[in-house]
Amino acid sequence: MLKGDLRGSDLVRLCSEAPKDATLVVFHTAVLDYVSDPADREAFAEQVMRLSPYWVSNEFPRVFPCIATCAGKRRPPGRFLLSMNGCPVAWTDPHGASLEWIADEA
């Protein structure tokens, strides 16, 4: 674990330290809700998509409304939205107790 700011150059530096023959995956859960500015969250998403071939996000649906819109009309209350590279894939329990795959409803 490293202390840093995900909105700045710390993420760029950390990703650049990954071995060149490794598969880089950026994963986060329940962190971006603490970034209050939606523009900062979107900037993070754009940056991580440039830095890594795989971005796995597990957040409240309100964190990325554009991704949540693609998850269909059914929104289970209290669930997180798991997405891969900006595409919704499942509804999850915030503490990992369950996962419900999203059928192609959109």
C-alpha atoms as a PDB file:
ATOM      1  CA  MET A   1       0.000   0.000   0.000  1.00  0.00           C
ATOM      2  CA  LEU A   2       1.130   3.463  -0.825  1.00  0.00           C
ATOM      3  CA  LYS A   3      -0.224   6.783   0.292  1.00  0.00           C
ATOM      4  CA  GLY A   4      -1.032   9.124  -2.557  1.00  0.00           C
ATOM      5  CA  ASP A   5      -3.602  11.164  -4.413  1.00  0.00           C
ATOM      6  CA  LEU A   6      -5.458   9.223  -7.074  1.00  0.00           C
ATOM      7  CA  ARG A   7      -6.322  12.452  -8.874  1.00  0.00           C
ATOM      8  CA  GLY A   8      -2.780  13.453  -9.709  1.00  0.00           C
ATOM      9  CA  SER A   9       0.591  12.210 -10.794  1.00  0.00           C
ATOM     10  CA  ASP A  10       0.816   9.594  -8.009  1.00  0.00           C
ATOM     11  CA  LEU A  11      -1.361   7.190 -10.015  1.00  0.00           C
ATOM     12  CA  VAL A  12       0.686   7.775 -13.157  1.00  0.00           C
ATOM     13  CA  ARG A  13       3.905   7.096 -11.268  1.00  0.00           C
ATOM     14  CA  LEU A  14       2.543   3.979  -9.619  1.00  0.00           C
ATOM     15  CA  CYS A  15       1.265   2.530 -12.911  1.00  0.00           C
ATOM     16  CA  SER A  16       4.610   3.224 -14.574  1.00  0.00           C
ATOM     17  CA  GLU A  17       6.316   1.093 -11.902  1.00  0.00           C
ATOM     18  CA  ALA A  18       4.426  -2.048 -12.964  1.00  0.00           C
ATOM     19  CA  PRO A  19       6.680  -4.604 -14.661  1.00  0.00           C
ATOM     20  CA  LYS A  20       6.434  -4.320 -18.449  1.00  0.00           C
ATOM     21  CA  ASP A  21       5.509  -8.012 -18.789  1.00  0.00           C
ATOM     22  CA  ALA A  22       2.757  -7.807 -16.141  1.00  0.00           C
ATOM     23  CA  THR A  23      -0.944  -7.290 -16.807  1.00  0.00           C
ATOM     24  CA  LEU A  24      -1.778  -3.984 -15.175  1.00  0.00           C
ATOM     25  CA  VAL A  25      -5.210  -3.859 -13.528  1.00  0.00           C
ATOM     26  CA  VAL A  26      -6.457  -0.783 -11.686  1.00  0.00           C
ATOM     27  CA  PHE A  27      -9.092  -1.780  -9.124  1.00  0.00           C
ATOM     28  CA  HIS A  28     -10.919   0.377  -6.603  1.00  0.00           C
ATOM     29  CA  THR A  29     -13.914  -0.002  -4.371  1.00  0.00           C
ATOM     30  CA  ALA A  30     -15.758   2.536  -2.215  1.00  0.00           C
ATOM     31  CA  VAL A  31     -13.182   5.271  -2.685  1.00  0.00           C
ATOM     32  CA  LEU A  32     -14.393   7.615  -5.411  1.00  0.00           C
ATOM     33  CA  ASP A  33     -17.544   8.552  -3.517  1.00  0.00           C
ATOM     34  CA  TYR A  34     -15.163  10.563  -1.317  1.00  0.00           C
ATOM     35  CA  VAL A  35     -14.098  12.628  -4.337  1.00  0.00           C
ATOM     36  CA  SER A  36     -16.887  15.192  -4.236  1.00  0.00           C
ATOM     37  CA  ASP A  37     -16.384  16.824  -7.632  1.00  0.00           C
ATOM     38  CA  PRO A  38     -17.924  14.746 -10.451  1.00  0.00           C
ATOM     39  CA  ALA A  39     -15.436  16.311 -12.882  1.00  0.00           C
ATOM     40  CA  ASP A  40     -12.541  14.958 -10.774  1.00  0.00           C
ATOM     41  CA  ARG A  41     -14.096  11.482 -10.831  1.00  0.00           C
ATOM     42  CA  GLU A  42     -14.500  11.635 -14.609  1.00  0.00           C
ATOM     43  CA  ALA A  43     -10.915  12.870 -15.000  1.00  0.00           C
ATOM     44  CA  PHE A  44      -9.761   9.893 -12.914  1.00  0.00           C
ATOM     45  CA  ALA A  45     -11.738   7.507 -15.147  1.00  0.00           C
ATOM     46  CA  GLU A  46     -10.264   9.003 -18.312  1.00  0.00           C
ATOM     47  CA  GLN A  47      -6.759   8.852 -16.870  1.00  0.00           C
ATOM     48  CA  VAL A  48      -7.017   5.254 -15.697  1.00  0.00           C
ATOM     49  CA  MET A  49      -8.364   4.164 -19.098  1.00  0.00           C
ATOM     50  CA  ARG A  50      -5.248   5.671 -20.690  1.00  0.00           C
ATOM     51  CA  LEU A  51      -2.899   4.085 -18.147  1.00  0.00           C
ATOM     52  CA  SER A  52      -4.223   0.544 -17.887  1.00  0.00           C
ATOM     53  CA  PRO A  53      -5.860  -1.988 -20.195  1.00  0.00           C
ATOM     54  CA  TYR A  54      -8.083  -3.104 -17.310  1.00  0.00           C
ATOM     55  CA  TRP A  55     -10.079  -0.838 -15.012  1.00  0.00           C
ATOM     56  CA  VAL A  56     -12.314  -2.516 -12.431  1.00  0.00           C
ATOM     57  CA  SER A  57     -14.547  -0.193 -10.427  1.00  0.00           C
ATOM     58  CA  ASN A  58     -16.895  -1.166  -7.574  1.00  0.00           C
ATOM     59  CA  GLU A  59     -18.693   1.952  -6.391  1.00  0.00           C
ATOM     60  CA  PHE A  60     -22.119   3.351  -5.573  1.00  0.00           C
ATOM     61  CA  PRO A  61     -23.998   3.913  -8.861  1.00  0.00           C
ATOM     62  CA  ARG A  62     -24.078   7.676  -8.218  1.00  0.00           C
ATOM     63  CA  VAL A  63     -20.275   7.850  -8.518  1.00  0.00           C
ATOM     64  CA  PHE A  64     -20.408   7.288 -12.292  1.00  0.00           C
ATOM     65  CA  PRO A  65     -23.972   8.086 -13.420  1.00  0.00           C
ATOM     66  CA  CYS A  66     -23.093   7.476 -17.077  1.00  0.00           C
ATOM     67  CA  ILE A  67     -22.060   3.886 -16.269  1.00  0.00           C
ATOM     68  CA  ALA A  68     -25.126   3.378 -14.064  1.00  0.00           C
ATOM     69  CA  THR A  69     -27.389   4.474 -16.925  1.00  0.00           C
ATOM     70  CA  CYS A  70     -26.029   1.562 -18.967  1.00  0.00           C
ATOM     71  CA  ALA A  71     -26.855  -0.918 -16.181  1.00  0.00           C
ATOM     72  CA  GLY A  72     -30.545  -1.013 -17.053  1.00  0.00           C
ATOM     73  CA  LYS A  73     -33.613   0.212 -15.214  1.00  0.00           C
ATOM     74  CA  ARG A  74     -33.385  -2.111 -12.205  1.00  0.00           C
ATOM     75  CA  ARG A  75     -31.302  -0.567  -9.427  1.00  0.00           C
ATOM     76  CA  PRO A  76     -31.140  -2.716  -6.293  1.00  0.00           C
ATOM     77  CA  PRO A  77     -31.064  -0.393  -3.255  1.00  0.00           C
ATOM     78  CA  GLY A  78     -27.850  -0.289  -1.261  1.00  0.00           C
ATOM     79  CA  ARG A  79     -25.844  -2.121  -3.919  1.00  0.00           C
ATOM     80  CA  PHE A  80     -22.585  -1.124  -5.537  1.00  0.00           C
ATOM     81  CA  LEU A  81     -22.133  -1.245  -9.293  1.00  0.00           C
ATOM     82  CA  LEU A  82     -19.209  -3.327 -10.508  1.00  0.00           C
ATOM     83  CA  SER A  83     -17.904  -2.207 -13.870  1.00  0.00           C
ATOM     84  CA  MET A  84     -15.085  -3.269 -16.166  1.00  0.00           C
ATOM     85  CA  ASN A  85     -13.523  -0.624 -18.382  1.00  0.00           C
ATOM     86  CA  GLY A  86     -16.561   1.605 -17.888  1.00  0.00           C
ATOM     87  CA  CYS A  87     -19.166  -1.086 -18.650  1.00  0.00           C
ATOM     88  CA  PRO A  88     -21.491  -2.325 -15.888  1.00  0.00           C
ATOM     89  CA  VAL A  89     -21.190  -6.051 -15.176  1.00  0.00           C
ATOM     90  CA  ALA A  90     -22.766  -6.746 -11.762  1.00  0.00           C
ATOM     91  CA  TRP A  91     -24.532  -5.431  -8.679  1.00  0.00           C
ATOM     92  CA  THR A  92     -22.555  -6.185  -5.537  1.00  0.00           C
ATOM     93  CA  ASP A  93     -22.924  -6.106  -1.802  1.00  0.00           C
ATOM     94  CA  PRO A  94     -20.695  -3.260  -0.515  1.00  0.00           C
ATOM     95  CA  HIS A  95     -18.808  -5.708   1.696  1.00  0.00           C
ATOM     96  CA  GLY A  96     -18.439  -8.521  -0.829  1.00  0.00           C
ATOM     97  CA  ALA A  97     -21.141 -10.832   0.542  1.00  0.00           C
ATOM     98  CA  SER A  98     -22.899 -11.224  -2.816  1.00  0.00           C
ATOM     99  CA  LEU A  99     -22.755 -10.502  -6.509  1.00  0.00           C
ATOM    100  CA  GLU A 100     -25.558 -10.452  -9.086  1.00  0.00           C
ATOM    101  CA  TRP A 101     -24.510 -10.378 -12.724  1.00  0.00           C
ATOM    102  CA  ILE A 102     -26.305  -7.859 -14.909  1.00  0.00           C
ATOM    103  CA  ALA A 103     -28.193  -9.362 -17.823  1.00  0.00           C
ATOM    104  CA  ASP A 104     -28.197  -7.376 -21.023  1.00  0.00           C
ATOM    105  CA  GLU A 105     -31.225  -5.245 -20.059  1.00  0.00           C
ATOM    106  CA  ALA A 106     -30.134  -1.905 -21.437  1.00  0.00           C
END
